[in-house]
Amino acid sequence: MLVEKAESHAASSAAQRATFFRQSGWLMIANIGGGVLMWAVHLLNKALPPGQYGSFGTFLAVVMLLPTIPLQMILTQQTAKALATGKQGELSALIRCVWVGTTLLWLLGAVFVLVFQKDILAAWNLSDPVGLWVTMFVVLLSLWMPMFWGILQGQQNFMWLGWSMLSNGIGRIIIASFAVLVLHAYSAGMMGGVLLGIILAAVIGSWHSRSLWLTRPKAFDWRGLLRQVTPLLFGFLAFQILFTADTLFVKHYFTGGTVDFYVSAGTMARALMWLVLPMATVMFPRLVHSAARAEKTDLLGMVLLGTALLATVGAIGLSVLGPWVVKIIYSPAYVQVAASILPWYAAAMIPLAVANVLLNNLLARPASKQSLAICVILLALGYLAALLRFHDTLVTVLRTLGIFNALLLAVCAWFTWGVKPHRAPESSVTAA
C-alpha cells in the first residue's frame, strides 16, 4: 500500500513538473516572441531625428512605471484563490471595482496633464504634445490590462495569456513602422503602434476572461481584502520601481543622444527578463492555489535555479555580443557609449530576476507579509533618493541600480530563509 502511494505521488509530481515546464516553455516563447516584436520597434531609431528616440523611451518609461505588476499579481492571487474555494461572485465584484477605480484615476490624471501640459513638456525636453496624449491613452489601457492578464494567469490559462502578449508585439511593430516610415510621425507614431498593440492584447484578454468578470457579483470583505493585498501592492510596486525608474531619471538629467544611447542599452538588458519571467509567472498562481488548499509544493527551488542560470548566461552573452548587436540594430554613433554601459545594465538585471522569484514565493503565501512589504518599499524609495544624488554619469546610475537590486535580493533571501514563518489568519475577497 505504501509502495503504491509512493509511486502515485512520484507519478503525480512528474506530471506536475512536465505541465509546469510545458506552460513555462509556451510563455517563454510568447514572451520572447512578443518581446522581440516590441523590441523590433526600436530598429526604427535609425529613421528618427536626434532626440526623438529618447522621447519615445521616456513615453515608454511612463507606461512602465504604472503599478501594472502589483495590480496583475493581486488579480492573479484573488483569481487563483476564488477558483480554489468556489468564490467567483466575490471575485467578479472585485474586478468591477478595480475597473471603475482605475478609470476614475486615469480621468484625474488626464485632467492633471491637461492643466500642466506645458510644464511636463518642458521638464522632459519634449516639443510635441501629440505623443504625450497618445501615451495617456496607452496608460488607460495599461491600467486595464492587469485585470485581464491577472485573471488569465490566475486561471492558469497560459495559452491565451501568451497569445495576448504576442498580439501586443504584432500590433506595435506594424503600426509603428507605418507611422514612422510613411507618415514621419516619429516618437508619437511609435507610441501609436504601442496603443494599437495593447488594444489587440486587451481584446484577447477580456474575451477569454469574460466568464469571471461577467459573473454575477457578490459582496466581499473589504477590510480582509486590504489586509491581504496591501503587501502584494507594495512588494511588487517596489520591484517595478527598481525595474523601470532609471530611464526617467536619465531623461531628466541627460539630454539628446545620451538618452538615446541609454534607452538602447536598457532595451537590450531588460530583454533578459523576457527570458526568465515566465517561470515565476507560472509559479505564482500554483503557489497561491496550493496554499489555499493547504497542499505542499517544491516549485521554488526548481524555478530559482533555472532563473539564476538563465539570467547569468544571458547577461554574459549580452555583454560579449553587445557591441556587435548594437552596431547592427542602432546607428554607429550608439556603439561606443551603449556597448560600454551594456555590461553594467545586464549585470544589474541578474539579482533583480532572482529576487523576483523569491518575492513571488513570499507574497503567494497566506501568511502576513507586512514587514516584507515595508522593507522592500523603503528600499525602493531609498533607490529613488539615491538616483537624485548619484547621477553624474550613466555608469553611476547603473551602479546604483545594481546595488539596490542586490539589496532587494538580500532582503528577499532573508525573509525566505532567515525569518521563521509566522502563519497569520487568512482573510480575503474569497472569505465566506
Protein backbone atom coordinates (compact mmCIF):
# COMPACT_ATOMS: atom_id res chain seq x y z
CA MET A 1 0.00 0.00 0.00
CA LEU A 2 2.77 2.41 0.94
CA VAL A 3 4.67 1.50 -2.22
CA GLU A 4 1.61 2.24 -4.34
CA LYS A 5 1.13 5.63 -2.67
CA ALA A 6 4.79 6.50 -3.18
CA GLU A 7 4.60 5.52 -6.84
CA SER A 8 1.39 7.50 -7.28
CA HIS A 9 2.94 10.55 -5.61
CA ALA A 10 6.06 10.26 -7.79
CA ALA A 11 3.94 9.98 -10.95
CA SER A 12 1.84 12.96 -9.89
CA SER A 13 4.94 15.06 -9.18
CA ALA A 14 6.45 14.13 -12.53
CA ALA A 15 3.22 15.08 -14.32
CA GLN A 16 3.10 18.42 -12.49
CA ARG A 17 6.71 19.18 -13.41
CA ALA A 18 6.02 18.28 -17.04
CA THR A 19 2.97 20.56 -17.09
CA PHE A 20 4.96 23.34 -15.42
CA PHE A 21 7.76 23.18 -17.98
CA ARG A 22 5.28 22.96 -20.88
CA GLN A 23 3.42 26.05 -19.67
CA SER A 24 6.64 27.89 -18.85
CA GLY A 25 8.03 26.97 -22.26
CA TRP A 26 4.99 28.34 -24.08
CA LEU A 27 5.04 31.56 -22.05
CA MET A 28 8.76 31.83 -22.70
CA ILE A 29 8.09 31.55 -26.45
CA ALA A 30 5.25 34.09 -26.21
CA ASN A 31 7.29 36.41 -24.01
CA ILE A 32 10.34 36.27 -26.26
CA GLY A 33 8.27 36.40 -29.45
CA GLY A 34 6.17 39.32 -28.26
CA GLY A 35 9.24 40.95 -26.76
CA VAL A 36 11.22 40.63 -29.99
CA LEU A 37 8.35 42.19 -31.93
CA MET A 38 8.08 45.05 -29.43
CA TRP A 39 11.85 45.38 -29.40
CA ALA A 40 11.87 45.47 -33.21
CA VAL A 41 10.16 48.85 -32.93
CA HIS A 42 13.48 50.17 -31.67
CA LEU A 43 15.01 49.35 -35.07
CA LEU A 44 13.13 52.40 -36.30
CA ASN A 45 15.55 54.60 -34.34
CA LYS A 46 17.65 54.96 -37.49
CA ALA A 47 14.77 56.79 -39.18
CA LEU A 48 14.31 59.24 -36.30
CA PRO A 49 15.84 62.70 -35.87
CA PRO A 50 18.18 63.14 -32.87
CA GLY A 51 16.31 63.21 -29.56
CA GLN A 52 13.14 61.58 -30.87
CA TYR A 53 14.23 58.10 -29.81
CA GLY A 54 14.92 59.38 -26.31
CA SER A 55 11.43 60.89 -26.24
CA PHE A 56 9.97 57.53 -27.21
CA GLY A 57 11.96 55.90 -24.41
CA THR A 58 10.57 58.45 -21.96
CA PHE A 59 6.97 57.76 -23.05
CA LEU A 60 7.59 54.04 -22.60
CA ALA A 61 9.12 54.63 -19.18
CA VAL A 62 5.95 56.45 -18.09
CA VAL A 63 3.92 53.41 -19.06
CA MET A 64 6.38 51.01 -17.41
CA LEU A 65 6.17 52.96 -14.14
CA LEU A 66 2.44 52.34 -13.81
CA PRO A 67 1.68 49.86 -11.00
CA THR A 68 0.63 47.21 -13.52
CA ILE A 69 2.73 44.45 -11.99
CA PRO A 70 1.24 44.72 -8.47
CA LEU A 71 -2.29 45.07 -9.90
CA GLN A 72 -1.83 41.97 -12.04
CA MET A 73 -0.43 39.95 -9.15
CA ILE A 74 -3.33 40.97 -6.91
CA LEU A 75 -5.84 39.84 -9.55
CA THR A 76 -3.82 36.67 -10.13
CA GLN A 77 -3.82 35.83 -6.45
CA GLN A 78 -7.51 36.53 -5.95
CA THR A 79 -8.48 34.61 -9.11
CA ALA A 80 -6.47 31.55 -8.09
CA LYS A 81 -7.99 31.63 -4.60
CA ALA A 82 -11.52 32.18 -5.86
CA LEU A 83 -11.29 29.21 -8.20
CA ALA A 84 -9.80 27.06 -5.43
CA THR A 85 -12.59 27.94 -2.98
CA GLY A 86 -15.56 28.50 -5.34
CA LYS A 87 -15.98 32.24 -4.67
CA GLN A 88 -16.29 33.56 -8.23
CA GLY A 89 -19.04 36.04 -7.31
CA GLU A 90 -16.81 37.91 -4.87
CA LEU A 91 -14.05 37.92 -7.48
CA SER A 92 -16.40 39.42 -10.08
CA ALA A 93 -17.23 42.27 -7.69
CA LEU A 94 -13.53 42.93 -7.12
CA ILE A 95 -12.79 43.02 -10.86
CA ARG A 96 -15.54 45.57 -11.44
CA CYS A 97 -14.31 47.74 -8.58
CA VAL A 98 -10.78 47.68 -9.99
CA TRP A 99 -12.06 48.65 -13.43
CA VAL A 100 -14.07 51.60 -12.11
CA GLY A 101 -11.26 52.71 -9.81
CA THR A 102 -8.53 52.66 -12.45
CA THR A 103 -10.75 54.52 -14.93
CA LEU A 104 -11.52 57.28 -12.44
CA LEU A 105 -7.84 57.50 -11.54
CA TRP A 106 -6.94 57.90 -15.20
CA LEU A 107 -9.51 60.67 -15.64
CA LEU A 108 -7.91 62.58 -12.77
CA GLY A 109 -4.50 62.06 -14.35
CA ALA A 110 -5.76 63.28 -17.72
CA VAL A 111 -7.04 66.48 -16.13
CA PHE A 112 -3.67 66.98 -14.43
CA VAL A 113 -1.79 66.51 -17.73
CA LEU A 114 -4.16 68.94 -19.48
CA VAL A 115 -3.55 71.63 -16.84
CA PHE A 116 0.23 71.18 -16.60
CA GLN A 117 0.94 70.14 -20.18
CA LYS A 118 3.47 72.91 -20.89
CA ASP A 119 5.42 72.21 -17.71
CA ILE A 120 5.56 68.47 -18.44
CA LEU A 121 6.79 69.04 -21.98
CA ALA A 122 9.47 71.44 -20.73
CA ALA A 123 10.64 69.13 -17.93
CA TRP A 124 11.10 66.20 -20.33
CA ASN A 125 12.55 68.32 -23.15
CA LEU A 126 9.62 67.49 -25.44
CA SER A 127 8.20 69.72 -28.14
CA ASP A 128 5.20 67.76 -29.42
CA PRO A 129 2.11 67.19 -27.21
CA VAL A 130 0.67 64.54 -29.58
CA GLY A 131 2.98 61.86 -28.28
CA LEU A 132 2.07 62.81 -24.72
CA TRP A 133 -1.65 62.33 -25.34
CA VAL A 134 -1.21 59.12 -27.27
CA THR A 135 0.75 57.95 -24.23
CA MET A 136 -2.18 58.90 -21.99
CA PHE A 137 -4.48 56.50 -23.86
CA VAL A 138 -1.78 53.83 -23.64
CA VAL A 139 -1.79 54.49 -19.90
CA LEU A 140 -5.56 53.91 -19.72
CA LEU A 141 -5.38 50.52 -21.40
CA SER A 142 -2.26 49.66 -19.41
CA LEU A 143 -4.30 50.18 -16.24
CA TRP A 144 -6.95 47.79 -17.55
CA MET A 145 -4.60 45.08 -18.80
CA PRO A 146 -3.61 43.80 -15.32
CA MET A 147 -7.24 42.78 -14.79
CA PHE A 148 -7.35 40.65 -17.92
CA TRP A 149 -3.85 39.20 -17.65
CA GLY A 150 -4.24 38.67 -13.91
CA ILE A 151 -7.45 36.68 -14.45
CA LEU A 152 -5.86 34.58 -17.19
CA GLN A 153 -2.80 33.96 -15.05
CA GLY A 154 -4.91 33.07 -12.02
CA GLN A 155 -6.98 30.69 -14.15
CA GLN A 156 -3.67 29.22 -15.37
CA ASN A 157 -4.97 29.91 -18.87
CA PHE A 158 -1.44 30.41 -20.11
CA MET A 159 -2.26 29.67 -23.75
CA TRP A 160 -4.39 32.79 -24.23
CA LEU A 161 -2.21 34.82 -21.90
CA GLY A 162 0.64 34.05 -24.28
CA TRP A 163 -1.38 34.92 -27.38
CA SER A 164 -2.39 38.22 -25.80
CA MET A 165 1.29 39.02 -25.22
CA LEU A 166 2.15 38.13 -28.82
CA SER A 167 -0.64 40.28 -30.26
CA ASN A 168 0.72 43.24 -28.32
CA GLY A 169 4.02 42.97 -30.20
CA ILE A 170 2.39 42.31 -33.58
CA GLY A 171 0.20 45.41 -33.46
CA ARG A 172 3.02 47.56 -32.16
CA ILE A 173 5.54 46.84 -34.91
CA ILE A 174 3.04 47.09 -37.79
CA ILE A 175 1.58 50.47 -36.87
CA ALA A 176 4.82 51.98 -35.61
CA SER A 177 6.61 51.09 -38.84
CA PHE A 178 3.86 52.63 -40.96
CA ALA A 179 3.72 55.77 -38.78
CA VAL A 180 7.48 56.39 -38.87
CA LEU A 181 8.42 55.29 -42.39
CA VAL A 182 5.32 56.53 -44.24
CA LEU A 183 3.77 59.28 -42.11
CA HIS A 184 7.02 60.51 -40.49
CA ALA A 185 5.23 60.71 -37.15
CA TYR A 186 8.38 59.72 -35.22
CA SER A 187 8.02 59.24 -31.42
CA ALA A 188 4.29 59.97 -31.46
CA GLY A 189 3.78 57.46 -34.27
CA MET A 190 5.77 54.83 -32.41
CA MET A 191 3.52 55.34 -29.41
CA GLY A 192 0.57 54.93 -31.78
CA GLY A 193 1.92 51.46 -32.51
CA VAL A 194 2.12 50.78 -28.79
CA LEU A 195 -1.52 51.85 -28.47
CA LEU A 196 -2.79 49.50 -31.19
CA GLY A 197 -0.77 46.62 -29.80
CA ILE A 198 -2.23 46.99 -26.34
CA ILE A 199 -5.75 47.31 -27.83
CA LEU A 200 -5.31 43.92 -29.52
CA ALA A 201 -3.96 42.42 -26.30
CA ALA A 202 -6.88 43.83 -24.30
CA VAL A 203 -9.46 42.41 -26.73
CA ILE A 204 -7.99 38.91 -26.42
CA GLY A 205 -7.54 39.16 -22.66
CA SER A 206 -11.03 40.50 -21.96
CA TRP A 207 -12.76 37.94 -24.18
CA HIS A 208 -11.06 34.92 -22.64
CA SER A 209 -11.55 36.17 -19.08
CA ARG A 210 -15.20 37.17 -19.55
CA SER A 211 -16.57 34.11 -17.73
CA LEU A 212 -15.31 35.59 -14.45
CA TRP A 213 -15.87 39.33 -14.80
CA LEU A 214 -19.38 38.74 -16.21
CA THR A 215 -20.29 36.52 -13.25
CA ARG A 216 -22.99 37.98 -11.02
CA PRO A 217 -21.09 39.94 -8.34
CA LYS A 218 -21.42 39.28 -4.62
CA ALA A 219 -20.37 41.36 -1.63
CA PHE A 220 -16.96 40.69 -0.11
CA ASP A 221 -14.94 41.68 2.95
CA TRP A 222 -13.16 44.95 2.08
CA ARG A 223 -11.05 45.06 5.22
CA GLY A 224 -9.91 41.49 4.82
CA LEU A 225 -9.06 42.15 1.18
CA LEU A 226 -6.96 45.22 2.01
CA ARG A 227 -5.05 43.33 4.70
CA GLN A 228 -4.16 40.65 2.21
CA VAL A 229 -3.41 42.63 -0.94
CA THR A 230 -1.50 45.55 0.63
CA PRO A 231 1.75 43.54 0.91
CA LEU A 232 1.36 42.47 -2.74
CA LEU A 233 0.75 46.05 -3.84
CA PHE A 234 3.82 47.49 -2.14
CA GLY A 235 6.02 44.47 -2.73
CA PHE A 236 5.55 44.32 -6.49
CA LEU A 237 5.46 48.13 -6.76
CA ALA A 238 8.96 48.19 -5.28
CA PHE A 239 10.07 45.63 -7.87
CA GLN A 240 8.59 47.71 -10.67
CA ILE A 241 10.33 50.88 -9.47
CA LEU A 242 13.68 49.12 -9.47
CA PHE A 243 12.92 47.71 -12.91
CA THR A 244 11.93 50.93 -14.68
CA ALA A 245 12.58 54.21 -12.84
CA ASP A 246 16.15 54.77 -14.07
CA THR A 247 15.09 55.77 -17.59
CA LEU A 248 13.02 58.72 -16.36
CA PHE A 249 15.92 59.99 -14.25
CA VAL A 250 18.33 59.70 -17.16
CA LYS A 251 15.89 61.59 -19.39
CA HIS A 252 15.71 64.37 -16.80
CA TYR A 253 19.44 64.70 -16.08
CA PHE A 254 20.86 63.99 -19.55
CA THR A 255 19.98 65.30 -22.99
CA GLY A 256 19.75 64.36 -26.66
CA GLY A 257 21.82 61.46 -27.92
CA THR A 258 22.98 60.38 -24.45
CA VAL A 259 19.42 59.41 -23.57
CA ASP A 260 19.13 57.56 -26.88
CA PHE A 261 22.25 55.53 -26.02
CA TYR A 262 20.89 54.68 -22.59
CA VAL A 263 17.46 53.66 -23.89
CA SER A 264 19.09 51.34 -26.44
CA ALA A 265 21.18 49.61 -23.76
CA GLY A 266 18.21 49.40 -21.40
CA THR A 267 16.02 47.83 -24.05
CA MET A 268 18.56 45.09 -24.66
CA ALA A 269 19.30 44.46 -20.98
CA ARG A 270 15.65 44.24 -20.00
CA ALA A 271 15.22 41.62 -22.71
CA LEU A 272 16.85 39.26 -20.22
CA MET A 273 13.68 39.49 -18.14
CA TRP A 274 11.61 38.21 -21.09
CA LEU A 275 13.65 35.03 -20.81
CA VAL A 276 13.26 34.40 -17.08
CA LEU A 277 9.95 35.94 -16.01
CA PRO A 278 7.70 33.18 -17.46
CA MET A 279 8.81 30.67 -14.82
CA ALA A 280 7.76 32.98 -11.98
CA THR A 281 4.56 33.80 -13.88
CA VAL A 282 3.57 30.12 -13.95
CA MET A 283 4.81 29.50 -10.41
CA PHE A 284 2.82 32.24 -8.63
CA PRO A 285 -0.80 31.06 -9.22
CA ARG A 286 0.27 27.47 -8.50
CA LEU A 287 1.67 28.52 -5.13
CA VAL A 288 -1.47 30.52 -4.33
CA HIS A 289 -3.70 27.58 -5.30
CA SER A 290 -1.60 25.15 -3.25
CA ALA A 291 -1.64 27.45 -0.23
CA ALA A 292 -5.42 27.87 -0.43
CA ARG A 293 -5.83 24.07 -0.34
CA ALA A 294 -3.01 23.50 2.18
CA GLU A 295 -1.03 21.47 -0.37
CA LYS A 296 2.76 21.20 -0.42
CA THR A 297 4.82 22.06 -3.49
CA ASP A 298 8.53 22.05 -4.33
CA LEU A 299 8.46 24.54 -7.20
CA LEU A 300 10.61 27.24 -5.59
CA GLY A 301 13.98 25.50 -5.81
CA MET A 302 13.47 24.48 -9.41
CA VAL A 303 12.37 27.95 -10.54
CA LEU A 304 15.08 29.69 -8.54
CA LEU A 305 17.86 27.60 -10.06
CA GLY A 306 16.51 27.94 -13.60
CA THR A 307 16.11 31.71 -13.28
CA ALA A 308 19.59 32.23 -11.87
CA LEU A 309 21.24 30.15 -14.60
CA LEU A 310 19.29 31.71 -17.48
CA ALA A 311 19.81 35.27 -16.21
CA THR A 312 23.56 34.77 -15.67
CA VAL A 313 24.17 33.10 -19.03
CA GLY A 314 22.04 35.74 -20.76
CA ALA A 315 23.92 38.61 -19.10
CA ILE A 316 27.31 37.17 -20.06
CA GLY A 317 26.17 36.60 -23.64
CA LEU A 318 24.77 40.11 -23.89
CA SER A 319 27.97 41.64 -22.51
CA VAL A 320 30.13 39.73 -25.02
CA LEU A 321 27.89 40.14 -28.06
CA GLY A 322 26.53 43.57 -27.12
CA PRO A 323 28.84 45.74 -29.25
CA TRP A 324 28.14 43.62 -32.33
CA VAL A 325 24.36 43.68 -31.72
CA VAL A 326 24.33 47.44 -31.10
CA LYS A 327 26.23 48.02 -34.34
CA ILE A 328 23.61 46.07 -36.34
CA ILE A 329 20.47 47.44 -34.70
CA TYR A 330 21.40 51.04 -33.97
CA SER A 331 23.44 53.65 -35.78
CA PRO A 332 27.27 53.55 -35.48
CA ALA A 333 27.19 56.51 -33.10
CA TYR A 334 25.48 54.31 -30.49
CA VAL A 335 28.17 51.64 -30.35
CA GLN A 336 30.81 53.16 -28.07
CA VAL A 337 28.52 54.53 -25.34
CA ALA A 338 25.81 51.87 -25.43
CA ALA A 339 28.32 48.99 -25.50
CA SER A 340 30.26 50.47 -22.59
CA ILE A 341 27.21 50.60 -20.31
CA LEU A 342 25.56 47.39 -21.52
CA PRO A 343 27.58 45.03 -19.24
CA TRP A 344 26.61 47.15 -16.23
CA TYR A 345 22.95 47.09 -17.24
CA ALA A 346 22.91 43.33 -17.89
CA ALA A 347 24.66 42.59 -14.59
CA ALA A 348 22.12 44.69 -12.68
CA MET A 349 19.29 42.55 -14.07
CA ILE A 350 20.63 39.29 -12.58
CA PRO A 351 19.89 39.99 -8.88
CA LEU A 352 16.59 41.58 -9.86
CA ALA A 353 15.49 38.45 -11.75
CA VAL A 354 16.38 36.15 -8.85
CA ALA A 355 14.79 38.49 -6.29
CA ASN A 356 11.59 38.44 -8.34
CA VAL A 357 11.29 34.67 -7.88
CA LEU A 358 11.73 34.93 -4.10
CA LEU A 359 9.31 37.85 -3.95
CA ASN A 360 6.68 35.86 -5.85
CA ASN A 361 7.15 32.93 -3.49
CA LEU A 362 6.87 35.07 -0.35
CA LEU A 363 3.82 37.01 -1.47
CA ALA A 364 1.98 33.92 -2.70
CA ARG A 365 1.82 32.52 0.83
CA PRO A 366 -1.17 33.16 3.09
CA ALA A 367 0.96 34.35 5.98
CA SER A 368 1.03 38.08 6.69
CA LYS A 369 3.94 39.83 4.90
CA GLN A 370 3.52 43.42 6.06
CA SER A 371 7.11 43.59 7.33
CA LEU A 372 8.42 42.37 3.96
CA ALA A 373 6.33 44.95 2.10
CA ILE A 374 7.58 47.75 4.35
CA CYS A 375 11.21 46.73 3.84
CA VAL A 376 11.06 46.50 0.06
CA ILE A 377 9.09 49.72 -0.44
CA LEU A 378 11.54 51.59 1.80
CA LEU A 379 14.33 50.09 -0.29
CA ALA A 380 12.66 51.35 -3.48
CA LEU A 381 12.24 54.83 -2.01
CA GLY A 382 15.90 54.76 -0.98
CA TYR A 383 16.77 53.90 -4.58
CA LEU A 384 14.85 56.91 -5.89
CA ALA A 385 16.58 59.14 -3.34
CA ALA A 386 19.97 57.74 -4.36
CA LEU A 387 19.29 58.50 -8.04
CA LEU A 388 18.61 62.11 -7.08
CA ARG A 389 22.11 62.24 -5.59
CA PHE A 390 24.18 59.90 -7.77
CA HIS A 391 23.70 60.59 -11.47
CA ASP A 392 26.90 62.22 -12.67
CA THR A 393 27.43 59.54 -15.34
CA LEU A 394 25.38 56.75 -16.90
CA VAL A 395 27.62 54.16 -15.23
CA THR A 396 26.95 55.76 -11.84
CA VAL A 397 23.21 55.40 -12.45
CA LEU A 398 23.66 51.73 -13.33
CA ARG A 399 25.93 51.04 -10.36
CA THR A 400 23.25 52.49 -8.12
CA LEU A 401 20.66 50.26 -9.80
CA GLY A 402 22.86 47.18 -9.35
CA ILE A 403 23.49 47.90 -5.66
CA PHE A 404 19.81 48.30 -4.85
CA ASN A 405 18.84 45.23 -6.88
CA ALA A 406 21.38 43.23 -4.86
CA LEU A 407 19.90 44.68 -1.65
CA LEU A 408 16.43 43.60 -2.78
CA LEU A 409 17.74 40.08 -3.35
CA ALA A 410 19.31 40.08 0.12
CA VAL A 411 16.07 41.22 1.75
CA CYS A 412 14.01 38.59 -0.07
CA ALA A 413 16.56 35.89 0.79
CA TRP A 414 16.42 36.88 4.46
CA PHE A 415 12.63 36.69 4.57
CA THR A 416 12.74 33.36 2.71
CA TRP A 417 15.33 31.52 4.80
CA GLY A 418 16.33 33.76 7.71
CA VAL A 419 12.93 34.56 9.23
CA LYS A 420 10.86 31.89 10.92
CA PRO A 421 7.47 31.60 9.18
CA HIS A 422 4.54 33.11 11.04
CA ARG A 423 1.15 32.00 9.83
CA ALA A 424 -1.38 34.78 10.16
CA PRO A 425 -5.13 34.30 9.99
CA GLU A 426 -6.12 34.50 6.35
CA SER A 427 -8.88 36.76 5.14
CA SER A 428 -9.52 37.91 1.64
CA VAL A 429 -12.02 38.59 -1.05
CA THR A 430 -12.70 34.90 -1.09
CA ALA A 431 -13.66 34.77 2.56
CA ALA A 432 -17.09 33.47 3.30
